[in-house]
PDB file of all heavy atoms in Angstrom:
ATOM      1  N   TRP A   1      36.133  10.463  -1.441  1.00  0.00           N
ATOM      2  CA  TRP A   1      37.160  10.829  -0.464  1.00  0.00           C
ATOM      3  C   TRP A   1      38.514  10.288  -0.920  1.00  0.00           C
ATOM      4  O   TRP A   1      38.603   9.171  -1.430  1.00  0.00           O
ATOM      5  CB  TRP A   1      36.849  10.195   0.890  1.00  0.00           C
ATOM      6  CG  TRP A   1      35.525  10.558   1.460  1.00  0.00           C
ATOM      7  CD1 TRP A   1      34.303  10.108   1.054  1.00  0.00           C
ATOM      8  CD2 TRP A   1      35.268  11.447   2.525  1.00  0.00           C
ATOM      9  NE1 TRP A   1      33.308  10.662   1.812  1.00  0.00           N
ATOM     10  CE2 TRP A   1      33.878  11.492   2.730  1.00  0.00           C
ATOM     11  CE3 TRP A   1      36.082  12.214   3.340  1.00  0.00           C
ATOM     12  CZ2 TRP A   1      33.290  12.275   3.708  1.00  0.00           C
ATOM     13  CZ3 TRP A   1      35.497  12.986   4.320  1.00  0.00           C
ATOM     14  CH2 TRP A   1      34.118  13.018   4.500  1.00  0.00           C
ATOM     15  N   ASN A   2      39.572  11.041  -0.688  1.00  0.00           N
ATOM     16  CA  ASN A   2      40.915  10.532  -0.968  1.00  0.00           C
ATOM     17  C   ASN A   2      41.468   9.840   0.272  1.00  0.00           C
ATOM     18  O   ASN A   2      40.808   9.779   1.317  1.00  0.00           O
ATOM     19  CB  ASN A   2      41.839  11.656  -1.469  1.00  0.00           C
ATOM     20  CG  ASN A   2      42.102  12.734  -0.436  1.00  0.00           C
ATOM     21  OD1 ASN A   2      41.852  12.576   0.764  1.00  0.00           O
ATOM     22  ND2 ASN A   2      42.612  13.865  -0.907  1.00  0.00           N
ATOM     23  N   ASN A   3      42.683   9.353   0.182  1.00  0.00           N
ATOM     24  CA  ASN A   3      43.298   8.616   1.294  1.00  0.00           C
ATOM     25  C   ASN A   3      43.605   9.501   2.501  1.00  0.00           C
ATOM     26  O   ASN A   3      43.808   9.006   3.603  1.00  0.00           O
ATOM     27  CB  ASN A   3      44.580   7.927   0.836  1.00  0.00           C
ATOM     28  CG  ASN A   3      44.280   6.767  -0.075  1.00  0.00           C
ATOM     29  OD1 ASN A   3      43.200   6.195  -0.025  1.00  0.00           O
ATOM     30  ND2 ASN A   3      45.221   6.423  -0.947  1.00  0.00           N
ATOM     31  N   ALA A   4      43.624  10.825   2.300  1.00  0.00           N
ATOM     32  CA  ALA A   4      43.872  11.760   3.398  1.00  0.00           C
ATOM     33  C   ALA A   4      42.583  12.157   4.111  1.00  0.00           C
ATOM     34  O   ALA A   4      42.599  12.957   5.035  1.00  0.00           O
ATOM     35  CB  ALA A   4      44.585  13.005   2.872  1.00  0.00           C
ATOM     36  N   GLY A   5      41.445  11.604   3.658  1.00  0.00           N
ATOM     37  CA  GLY A   5      40.172  11.897   4.294  1.00  0.00           C
ATOM     38  C   GLY A   5      39.514  13.179   3.810  1.00  0.00           C
ATOM     39  O   GLY A   5      38.614  13.692   4.460  1.00  0.00           O
ATOM     40  N   GLN A   6      39.948  13.689   2.658  1.00  0.00           N
ATOM     41  CA  GLN A   6      39.375  14.904   2.098  1.00  0.00           C
ATOM     42  C   GLN A   6      38.344  14.562   1.027  1.00  0.00           C
ATOM     43  O   GLN A   6      38.555  13.634   0.238  1.00  0.00           O
ATOM     44  CB  GLN A   6      40.462  15.766   1.464  1.00  0.00           C
ATOM     45  CG  GLN A   6      41.543  16.174   2.423  1.00  0.00           C
ATOM     46  CD  GLN A   6      42.769  16.700   1.705  1.00  0.00           C
ATOM     47  OE1 GLN A   6      43.218  16.143   0.717  1.00  0.00           O
ATOM     48  NE2 GLN A   6      43.315  17.793   2.217  1.00  0.00           N
ATOM     49  N   ILE A   7      37.257  15.323   0.986  1.00  0.00           N
ATOM     50  CA  ILE A   7      36.286  15.153  -0.100  1.00  0.00           C
ATOM     51  C   ILE A   7      36.871  15.808  -1.339  1.00  0.00           C
ATOM     52  O   ILE A   7      37.212  16.987  -1.328  1.00  0.00           O
ATOM     53  CB  ILE A   7      34.928  15.774   0.261  1.00  0.00           C
ATOM     54  CG1 ILE A   7      34.300  15.028   1.439  1.00  0.00           C
ATOM     55  CG2 ILE A   7      33.992  15.736  -0.949  1.00  0.00           C
ATOM     56  CD1 ILE A   7      33.002  15.619   1.930  1.00  0.00           C
ATOM     57  N   VAL A   8      37.001  15.018  -2.420  1.00  0.00           N
ATOM     58  CA  VAL A   8      37.623  15.523  -3.647  1.00  0.00           C
ATOM     59  C   VAL A   8      36.625  15.637  -4.796  1.00  0.00           C
ATOM     60  O   VAL A   8      36.941  16.218  -5.834  1.00  0.00           O
ATOM     61  CB  VAL A   8      38.832  14.652  -4.056  1.00  0.00           C
ATOM     62  CG1 VAL A   8      39.956  14.805  -3.027  1.00  0.00           C
ATOM     63  CG2 VAL A   8      38.440  13.188  -4.192  1.00  0.00           C
ATOM     64  N   ALA A   9      35.433  15.088  -4.636  1.00  0.00           N
ATOM     65  CA  ALA A   9      34.360  15.219  -5.637  1.00  0.00           C
ATOM     66  C   ALA A   9      33.046  14.923  -4.936  1.00  0.00           C
ATOM     67  O   ALA A   9      33.006  14.143  -3.984  1.00  0.00           O
ATOM     68  CB  ALA A   9      34.576  14.261  -6.798  1.00  0.00           C
ATOM     69  N   LYS A  10      31.974  15.571  -5.415  1.00  0.00           N
ATOM     70  CA  LYS A  10      30.658  15.291  -4.842  1.00  0.00           C
ATOM     71  C   LYS A  10      29.581  15.646  -5.852  1.00  0.00           C
ATOM     72  O   LYS A  10      29.813  16.408  -6.782  1.00  0.00           O
ATOM     73  CB  LYS A  10      30.445  16.030  -3.527  1.00  0.00           C
ATOM     74  CG  LYS A  10      30.598  17.516  -3.588  1.00  0.00           C
ATOM     75  CD  LYS A  10      30.536  18.107  -2.201  1.00  0.00           C
ATOM     76  CE  LYS A  10      30.998  19.548  -2.229  1.00  0.00           C
ATOM     77  NZ  LYS A  10      31.032  20.130  -0.907  1.00  0.00           N
ATOM     78  N   SER A  11      28.412  15.068  -5.643  1.00  0.00           N
ATOM     79  CA  SER A  11      27.249  15.403  -6.462  1.00  0.00           C
ATOM     80  C   SER A  11      25.997  15.239  -5.625  1.00  0.00           C
ATOM     81  O   SER A  11      25.995  14.543  -4.608  1.00  0.00           O
ATOM     82  CB  SER A  11      27.186  14.543  -7.729  1.00  0.00           C
ATOM     83  OG  SER A  11      26.822  13.229  -7.415  1.00  0.00           O
ATOM     84  N   TYR A  12      24.957  15.904  -6.057  1.00  0.00           N
ATOM     85  CA  TYR A  12      23.682  15.888  -5.340  1.00  0.00           C
ATOM     86  C   TYR A  12      22.575  15.460  -6.295  1.00  0.00           C
ATOM     87  O   TYR A  12      22.571  15.879  -7.466  1.00  0.00           O
ATOM     88  CB  TYR A  12      23.345  17.288  -4.799  1.00  0.00           C
ATOM     89  CG  TYR A  12      24.358  17.809  -3.827  1.00  0.00           C
ATOM     90  CD1 TYR A  12      25.429  18.584  -4.253  1.00  0.00           C
ATOM     91  CD2 TYR A  12      24.257  17.520  -2.471  1.00  0.00           C
ATOM     92  CE1 TYR A  12      26.368  19.064  -3.356  1.00  0.00           C
ATOM     93  CE2 TYR A  12      25.190  18.001  -1.570  1.00  0.00           C
ATOM     94  CZ  TYR A  12      26.238  18.760  -2.018  1.00  0.00           C
ATOM     95  OH  TYR A  12      27.166  19.237  -1.123  1.00  0.00           O
ATOM     96  N   ASP A  13      21.641  14.647  -5.796  1.00  0.00           N
ATOM     97  CA  ASP A  13      20.447  14.263  -6.532  1.00  0.00           C
ATOM     98  C   ASP A  13      20.778  13.815  -7.951  1.00  0.00           C
ATOM     99  O   ASP A  13      20.314  14.400  -8.931  1.00  0.00           O
ATOM    100  CB  ASP A  13      19.451  15.423  -6.545  1.00  0.00           C
ATOM    101  CG  ASP A  13      18.062  14.974  -6.971  1.00  0.00           C
ATOM    102  OD1 ASP A  13      17.723  13.794  -6.778  1.00  0.00           O
ATOM    103  OD2 ASP A  13      17.327  15.813  -7.524  1.00  0.00           O
ATOM    104  N   SER A  14      21.594  12.768  -8.061  1.00  0.00           N
ATOM    105  CA  SER A  14      22.090  12.344  -9.365  1.00  0.00           C
ATOM    106  C   SER A  14      22.406  10.853  -9.379  1.00  0.00           C
ATOM    107  O   SER A  14      22.470  10.201  -8.340  1.00  0.00           O
ATOM    108  CB  SER A  14      23.354  13.137  -9.702  1.00  0.00           C
ATOM    109  OG  SER A  14      23.828  12.815 -10.990  1.00  0.00           O
ATOM    110  N   THR A  15      22.641  10.345 -10.587  1.00  0.00           N
ATOM    111  CA  THR A  15      23.115   8.967 -10.769  1.00  0.00           C
ATOM    112  C   THR A  15      24.573   8.945 -11.190  1.00  0.00           C
ATOM    113  O   THR A  15      25.114   7.894 -11.507  1.00  0.00           O
ATOM    114  CB  THR A  15      22.285   8.228 -11.838  1.00  0.00           C
ATOM    115  OG1 THR A  15      22.395   8.942 -13.077  1.00  0.00           O
ATOM    116  CG2 THR A  15      20.838   8.092 -11.417  1.00  0.00           C
ATOM    117  N   GLN A  16      25.227  10.119 -11.208  1.00  0.00           N
ATOM    118  CA  GLN A  16      26.626  10.173 -11.624  1.00  0.00           C
ATOM    119  C   GLN A  16      27.391  11.231 -10.845  1.00  0.00           C
ATOM    120  O   GLN A  16      26.809  12.135 -10.264  1.00  0.00           O
ATOM    121  CB  GLN A  16      26.737  10.446 -13.116  1.00  0.00           C
ATOM    122  CG  GLN A  16      26.089  11.716 -13.562  1.00  0.00           C
ATOM    123  CD  GLN A  16      26.051  11.835 -15.076  1.00  0.00           C
ATOM    124  OE1 GLN A  16      26.306  10.876 -15.796  1.00  0.00           O
ATOM    125  NE2 GLN A  16      25.729  13.007 -15.567  1.00  0.00           N
ATOM    126  N   CYS A  17      28.711  11.076 -10.862  1.00  0.00           N
ATOM    127  CA  CYS A  17      29.590  12.020 -10.184  1.00  0.00           C
ATOM    128  C   CYS A  17      30.844  12.172 -11.044  1.00  0.00           C
ATOM    129  O   CYS A  17      31.467  11.177 -11.419  1.00  0.00           O
ATOM    130  CB  CYS A  17      29.947  11.513  -8.790  1.00  0.00           C
ATOM    131  SG  CYS A  17      30.943  12.662  -7.824  1.00  0.00           S
ATOM    132  N   ASP A  18      31.211  13.403 -11.344  1.00  0.00           N
ATOM    133  CA  ASP A  18      32.359  13.694 -12.193  1.00  0.00           C
ATOM    134  C   ASP A  18      33.662  13.499 -11.414  1.00  0.00           C
ATOM    135  O   ASP A  18      33.876  14.125 -10.378  1.00  0.00           O
ATOM    136  CB  ASP A  18      32.262  15.130 -12.700  1.00  0.00           C
ATOM    137  CG  ASP A  18      33.394  15.520 -13.626  1.00  0.00           C
ATOM    138  OD1 ASP A  18      34.093  14.630 -14.148  1.00  0.00           O
ATOM    139  OD2 ASP A  18      33.592  16.728 -13.833  1.00  0.00           O
ATOM    140  N   VAL A  19      34.526  12.621 -11.934  1.00  0.00           N
ATOM    141  CA  VAL A  19      35.848  12.400 -11.339  1.00  0.00           C
ATOM    142  C   VAL A  19      36.949  12.616 -12.373  1.00  0.00           C
ATOM    143  O   VAL A  19      38.069  12.170 -12.192  1.00  0.00           O
ATOM    144  CB  VAL A  19      35.960  10.986 -10.702  1.00  0.00           C
ATOM    145  CG1 VAL A  19      35.061  10.861  -9.493  1.00  0.00           C
ATOM    146  CG2 VAL A  19      35.674   9.894 -11.715  1.00  0.00           C
ATOM    147  N   SER A  20      36.628  13.327 -13.448  1.00  0.00           N
ATOM    148  CA  SER A  20      37.571  13.507 -14.555  1.00  0.00           C
ATOM    149  C   SER A  20      38.825  14.289 -14.152  1.00  0.00           C
ATOM    150  O   SER A  20      39.861  14.149 -14.797  1.00  0.00           O
ATOM    151  CB  SER A  20      36.883  14.210 -15.728  1.00  0.00           C
ATOM    152  OG  SER A  20      36.416  15.492 -15.354  1.00  0.00           O
ATOM    153  N   LYS A  21      38.757  15.077 -13.091  1.00  0.00           N
ATOM    154  CA  LYS A  21      39.912  15.872 -12.667  1.00  0.00           C
ATOM    155  C   LYS A  21      40.763  15.181 -11.601  1.00  0.00           C
ATOM    156  O   LYS A  21      41.772  15.726 -11.163  1.00  0.00           O
ATOM    157  CB  LYS A  21      39.433  17.229 -12.172  1.00  0.00           C
ATOM    158  CG  LYS A  21      38.826  18.060 -13.291  1.00  0.00           C
ATOM    159  CD  LYS A  21      38.440  19.431 -12.807  1.00  0.00           C
ATOM    160  CE  LYS A  21      38.119  20.327 -13.950  1.00  0.00           C
ATOM    161  NZ  LYS A  21      36.814  20.408 -14.420  1.00  0.00           N
ATOM    162  N   LEU A  22      40.353  13.984 -11.196  1.00  0.00           N
ATOM    163  CA  LEU A  22      41.105  13.282 -10.151  1.00  0.00           C
ATOM    164  C   LEU A  22      42.286  12.526 -10.744  1.00  0.00           C
ATOM    165  O   LEU A  22      42.224  12.005 -11.853  1.00  0.00           O
ATOM    166  CB  LEU A  22      40.198  12.291  -9.426  1.00  0.00           C
ATOM    167  CG  LEU A  22      39.030  12.875  -8.653  1.00  0.00           C
ATOM    168  CD1 LEU A  22      38.284  11.761  -7.916  1.00  0.00           C
ATOM    169  CD2 LEU A  22      39.479  13.947  -7.680  1.00  0.00           C
ATOM    170  N   ALA A  23      43.350  12.448  -9.971  1.00  0.00           N
ATOM    171  CA  ALA A  23      44.512  11.644 -10.353  1.00  0.00           C
ATOM    172  C   ALA A  23      44.151  10.166 -10.270  1.00  0.00           C
ATOM    173  O   ALA A  23      43.259   9.778  -9.508  1.00  0.00           O
ATOM    174  CB  ALA A  23      45.672  11.951  -9.419  1.00  0.00           C
ATOM    175  N   SER A  24      44.826   9.359 -11.044  1.00  0.00           N
ATOM    176  CA  SER A  24      44.620   7.911 -10.965  1.00  0.00           C
ATOM    177  C   SER A  24      44.902   7.446  -9.556  1.00  0.00           C
ATOM    178  O   SER A  24      45.817   7.942  -8.898  1.00  0.00           O
ATOM    179  CB  SER A  24      45.549   7.184 -11.930  1.00  0.00           C
ATOM    180  OG  SER A  24      45.237   7.524 -13.253  1.00  0.00           O
ATOM    181  N   GLY A  25      44.099   6.501  -9.092  1.00  0.00           N
ATOM    182  CA  GLY A  25      44.326   5.980  -7.759  1.00  0.00           C
ATOM    183  C   GLY A  25      43.078   5.369  -7.167  1.00  0.00           C
ATOM    184  O   GLY A  25      42.064   5.194  -7.846  1.00  0.00           O
ATOM    185  N   THR A  26      43.143   5.065  -5.892  1.00  0.00           N
ATOM    186  CA  THR A  26      42.052   4.431  -5.162  1.00  0.00           C
ATOM    187  C   THR A  26      41.390   5.472  -4.270  1.00  0.00           C
ATOM    188  O   THR A  26      42.057   6.231  -3.573  1.00  0.00           O
ATOM    189  CB  THR A  26      42.587   3.269  -4.313  1.00  0.00           C
ATOM    190  OG1 THR A  26      43.241   2.341  -5.182  1.00  0.00           O
ATOM    191  CG2 THR A  26      41.472   2.557  -3.574  1.00  0.00           C
ATOM    192  N   TYR A  27      40.056   5.471  -4.297  1.00  0.00           N
ATOM    193  CA  TYR A  27      39.260   6.437  -3.539  1.00  0.00           C
ATOM    194  C   TYR A  27      38.117   5.704  -2.844  1.00  0.00           C
ATOM    195  O   TYR A  27      37.805   4.560  -3.177  1.00  0.00           O
ATOM    196  CB  TYR A  27      38.675   7.515  -4.466  1.00  0.00           C
ATOM    197  CG  TYR A  27      39.724   8.371  -5.128  1.00  0.00           C
ATOM    198  CD1 TYR A  27      40.340   7.972  -6.314  1.00  0.00           C
ATOM    199  CD2 TYR A  27      40.106   9.582  -4.561  1.00  0.00           C
ATOM    200  CE1 TYR A  27      41.309   8.753  -6.920  1.00  0.00           C
ATOM    201  CE2 TYR A  27      41.073  10.376  -5.158  1.00  0.00           C
ATOM    202  CZ  TYR A  27      41.672   9.957  -6.343  1.00  0.00           C
ATOM    203  OH  TYR A  27      42.634  10.732  -6.928  1.00  0.00           O
ATOM    204  N   PHE A  28      37.486   6.381  -1.925  1.00  0.00           N
ATOM    205  CA  PHE A  28      36.357   5.858  -1.179  1.00  0.00           C
ATOM    206  C   PHE A  28      35.117   6.634  -1.602  1.00  0.00           C
ATOM    207  O   PHE A  28      35.128   7.866  -1.618  1.00  0.00           O
ATOM    208  CB  PHE A  28      36.631   6.043   0.317  1.00  0.00           C
ATOM    209  CG  PHE A  28      35.559   5.542   1.223  1.00  0.00           C
ATOM    210  CD1 PHE A  28      35.390   4.191   1.443  1.00  0.00           C
ATOM    211  CD2 PHE A  28      34.726   6.428   1.873  1.00  0.00           C
ATOM    212  CE1 PHE A  28      34.397   3.733   2.294  1.00  0.00           C
ATOM    213  CE2 PHE A  28      33.735   5.983   2.731  1.00  0.00           C
ATOM    214  CZ  PHE A  28      33.577   4.627   2.931  1.00  0.00           C
ATOM    215  N   LEU A  29      34.052   5.935  -1.981  1.00  0.00           N
ATOM    216  CA  LEU A  29      32.802   6.557  -2.409  1.00  0.00           C
ATOM    217  C   LEU A  29      31.731   6.296  -1.364  1.00  0.00           C
ATOM    218  O   LEU A  29      31.496   5.150  -0.981  1.00  0.00           O
ATOM    219  CB  LEU A  29      32.360   5.977  -3.756  1.00  0.00           C
ATOM    220  CG  LEU A  29      30.968   6.363  -4.255  1.00  0.00           C
ATOM    221  CD1 LEU A  29      30.884   7.861  -4.536  1.00  0.00           C
ATOM    222  CD2 LEU A  29      30.610   5.559  -5.499  1.00  0.00           C
ATOM    223  N   GLN A  30      31.082   7.361  -0.908  1.00  0.00           N
ATOM    224  CA  GLN A  30      29.977   7.248   0.036  1.00  0.00           C
ATOM    225  C   GLN A  30      28.721   7.777  -0.647  1.00  0.00           C
ATOM    226  O   GLN A  30      28.738   8.851  -1.247  1.00  0.00           O
ATOM    227  CB  GLN A  30      30.250   8.049   1.298  1.00  0.00           C
ATOM    228  CG  GLN A  30      29.144   7.936   2.321  1.00  0.00           C
ATOM    229  CD  GLN A  30      29.444   8.745   3.570  1.00  0.00           C
ATOM    230  OE1 GLN A  30      30.251   9.666   3.551  1.00  0.00           O
ATOM    231  NE2 GLN A  30      28.789   8.398   4.649  1.00  0.00           N
ATOM    232  N   ILE A  31      27.634   7.012  -0.561  1.00  0.00           N
ATOM    233  CA  ILE A  31      26.379   7.366  -1.202  1.00  0.00           C
ATOM    234  C   ILE A  31      25.283   7.402  -0.149  1.00  0.00           C
ATOM    235  O   ILE A  31      25.145   6.477   0.644  1.00  0.00           O
ATOM    236  CB  ILE A  31      26.007   6.326  -2.285  1.00  0.00           C
ATOM    237  CG1 ILE A  31      27.083   6.264  -3.362  1.00  0.00           C
ATOM    238  CG2 ILE A  31      24.651   6.648  -2.884  1.00  0.00           C
ATOM    239  CD1 ILE A  31      26.899   5.114  -4.332  1.00  0.00           C
TER     240      ILE A  31
END
């Protein structure tokens, strides 16, 4: 999630999540 409360990346049934397209910054990860 970004600071505006939008989901900006997600993954299902995995041990990894691609964030290569995100801008540098602080995000919230929910698992």
